């Protein structure tokens, strides 16, 4: 499915900041940014990635912060405050 088709079906560009414990130094946190098209508020793509992380990556998850923004949105119209005629 193309990105445009995903957007029409309700997918939004989603960014997740993932904080995780470093495997060699568990007291330290490392940050990882991940960005993908996903469906809010259930985030099936992110959940699949996090399940993969937990089973295949040594760094234990600490925090996941999510921000989602629709790319297709209604345009804001504002009154220009005058009328202009072009000849």
C-alpha atoms as a PDB file:
ATOM      1  CA  UNK A   1       0.000   0.000   0.000  1.00  0.00           C
ATOM      2  CA  UNK A   2       1.385   3.445  -0.910  1.00  0.00           C
ATOM      3  CA  UNK A   3       1.812   6.212   1.688  1.00  0.00           C
ATOM      4  CA  UNK A   4      -1.087   8.133   0.131  1.00  0.00           C
ATOM      5  CA  UNK A   5      -3.373   5.090   0.353  1.00  0.00           C
ATOM      6  CA  UNK A   6      -2.386   4.652   3.994  1.00  0.00           C
ATOM      7  CA  UNK A   7      -3.218   8.302   4.757  1.00  0.00           C
ATOM      8  CA  UNK A   8      -6.636   7.989   3.074  1.00  0.00           C
ATOM      9  CA  UNK A   9      -7.337   4.888   5.192  1.00  0.00           C
ATOM     10  CA  UNK A  10      -6.606   6.793   8.416  1.00  0.00           C
ATOM     11  CA  UNK A  11      -2.911   6.105   8.931  1.00  0.00           C
ATOM     12  CA  UNK A  12      -0.922   8.992  10.391  1.00  0.00           C
ATOM     13  CA  UNK A  13       2.760   9.744  10.591  1.00  0.00           C
ATOM     14  CA  UNK A  14       3.719   8.642  14.076  1.00  0.00           C
ATOM     15  CA  UNK A  15       6.937   9.257  15.963  1.00  0.00           C
ATOM     16  CA  UNK A  16       7.900   7.297  19.054  1.00  0.00           C
ATOM     17  CA  UNK A  17      10.731   8.184  21.411  1.00  0.00           C
ATOM     18  CA  UNK A  18      11.830   4.962  23.048  1.00  0.00           C
ATOM     19  CA  UNK A  19      13.962   5.107  26.184  1.00  0.00           C
ATOM     20  CA  UNK A  20      15.652   1.846  27.051  1.00  0.00           C
ATOM     21  CA  UNK A  21      18.242   0.537  29.494  1.00  0.00           C
ATOM     22  CA  UNK A  22      21.626  -0.070  27.925  1.00  0.00           C
ATOM     23  CA  UNK A  23      22.436  -3.806  28.097  1.00  0.00           C
ATOM     24  CA  UNK A  24      26.008  -3.334  29.412  1.00  0.00           C
ATOM     25  CA  UNK A  25      25.086  -0.493  31.796  1.00  0.00           C
ATOM     26  CA  UNK A  26      21.449  -0.994  32.891  1.00  0.00           C
ATOM     27  CA  UNK A  27      21.514   2.137  35.060  1.00  0.00           C
ATOM     28  CA  UNK A  28      21.940   4.284  31.914  1.00  0.00           C
ATOM     29  CA  UNK A  29      19.122   5.114  29.510  1.00  0.00           C
ATOM     30  CA  UNK A  30      19.533   5.427  25.761  1.00  0.00           C
ATOM     31  CA  UNK A  31      17.076   7.157  23.419  1.00  0.00           C
ATOM     32  CA  UNK A  32      15.854   5.714  20.111  1.00  0.00           C
ATOM     33  CA  UNK A  33      13.516   7.565  17.714  1.00  0.00           C
ATOM     34  CA  UNK A  34      11.224   5.524  15.495  1.00  0.00           C
ATOM     35  CA  UNK A  35       8.899   6.912  12.821  1.00  0.00           C
ATOM     36  CA  UNK A  36       6.297   5.076  10.757  1.00  0.00           C
ATOM     37  CA  UNK A  37       2.730   5.353   9.465  1.00  0.00           C
ATOM     38  CA  UNK A  38       0.299   3.906  11.989  1.00  0.00           C
ATOM     39  CA  UNK A  39      -3.345   3.952  13.083  1.00  0.00           C
ATOM     40  CA  UNK A  40      -4.068   5.988  16.209  1.00  0.00           C
ATOM     41  CA  UNK A  41      -5.036   5.320  18.967  1.00  0.00           C
ATOM     42  CA  UNK A  42      -4.364   1.550  18.830  1.00  0.00           C
ATOM     43  CA  UNK A  43      -0.969   1.808  17.038  1.00  0.00           C
ATOM     44  CA  UNK A  44      -0.754  -1.753  15.633  1.00  0.00           C
ATOM     45  CA  UNK A  45       2.518  -1.053  13.781  1.00  0.00           C
ATOM     46  CA  UNK A  46       4.195   0.360  16.902  1.00  0.00           C
ATOM     47  CA  UNK A  47       2.937  -2.527  19.047  1.00  0.00           C
ATOM     48  CA  UNK A  48       4.337  -5.036  16.556  1.00  0.00           C
ATOM     49  CA  UNK A  49       7.691  -3.241  16.666  1.00  0.00           C
ATOM     50  CA  UNK A  50       7.709  -3.165  20.487  1.00  0.00           C
ATOM     51  CA  UNK A  51       6.939  -6.910  20.641  1.00  0.00           C
ATOM     52  CA  UNK A  52       9.872  -7.459  18.263  1.00  0.00           C
ATOM     53  CA  UNK A  53      12.058  -5.276  20.499  1.00  0.00           C
ATOM     54  CA  UNK A  54      11.171  -7.200  23.650  1.00  0.00           C
ATOM     55  CA  UNK A  55      11.930 -10.593  22.078  1.00  0.00           C
ATOM     56  CA  UNK A  56      15.008  -9.727  19.970  1.00  0.00           C
ATOM     57  CA  UNK A  57      16.811  -6.731  21.490  1.00  0.00           C
ATOM     58  CA  UNK A  58      18.686  -6.871  24.793  1.00  0.00           C
ATOM     59  CA  UNK A  59      17.910  -3.328  25.974  1.00  0.00           C
ATOM     60  CA  UNK A  60      14.957  -3.455  28.393  1.00  0.00           C
ATOM     61  CA  UNK A  61      12.288  -0.850  27.579  1.00  0.00           C
ATOM     62  CA  UNK A  62      11.860   2.015  30.036  1.00  0.00           C
ATOM     63  CA  UNK A  63       9.496   4.552  28.413  1.00  0.00           C
ATOM     64  CA  UNK A  64       7.758   5.015  25.072  1.00  0.00           C
ATOM     65  CA  UNK A  65       6.387   8.460  24.181  1.00  0.00           C
ATOM     66  CA  UNK A  66       4.205   8.758  21.098  1.00  0.00           C
ATOM     67  CA  UNK A  67       3.301  11.732  18.909  1.00  0.00           C
ATOM     68  CA  UNK A  68       0.978  11.356  15.921  1.00  0.00           C
ATOM     69  CA  UNK A  69      -0.022  13.918  13.342  1.00  0.00           C
ATOM     70  CA  UNK A  70      -2.436  13.611  10.448  1.00  0.00           C
ATOM     71  CA  UNK A  71      -0.914  14.566   7.125  1.00  0.00           C
ATOM     72  CA  UNK A  72      -4.230  15.039   5.369  1.00  0.00           C
ATOM     73  CA  UNK A  73      -6.231  17.654   7.218  1.00  0.00           C
ATOM     74  CA  UNK A  74      -8.734  20.355   6.319  1.00  0.00           C
ATOM     75  CA  UNK A  75      -7.187  23.610   5.224  1.00  0.00           C
ATOM     76  CA  UNK A  76      -7.597  26.636   7.416  1.00  0.00           C
ATOM     77  CA  UNK A  77      -9.268  29.549   5.628  1.00  0.00           C
ATOM     78  CA  UNK A  78      -8.929  33.074   6.914  1.00  0.00           C
ATOM     79  CA  UNK A  79     -10.563  36.263   5.721  1.00  0.00           C
ATOM     80  CA  UNK A  80      -8.004  38.458   3.995  1.00  0.00           C
ATOM     81  CA  UNK A  81      -9.707  41.620   5.180  1.00  0.00           C
ATOM     82  CA  UNK A  82     -10.320  43.045   1.716  1.00  0.00           C
ATOM     83  CA  UNK A  83     -11.237  42.367  -1.865  1.00  0.00           C
ATOM     84  CA  UNK A  84      -8.742  42.612  -4.690  1.00  0.00           C
ATOM     85  CA  UNK A  85      -9.659  42.726  -8.377  1.00  0.00           C
ATOM     86  CA  UNK A  86      -7.125  41.730 -10.998  1.00  0.00           C
ATOM     87  CA  UNK A  87      -7.432  43.028 -14.582  1.00  0.00           C
END
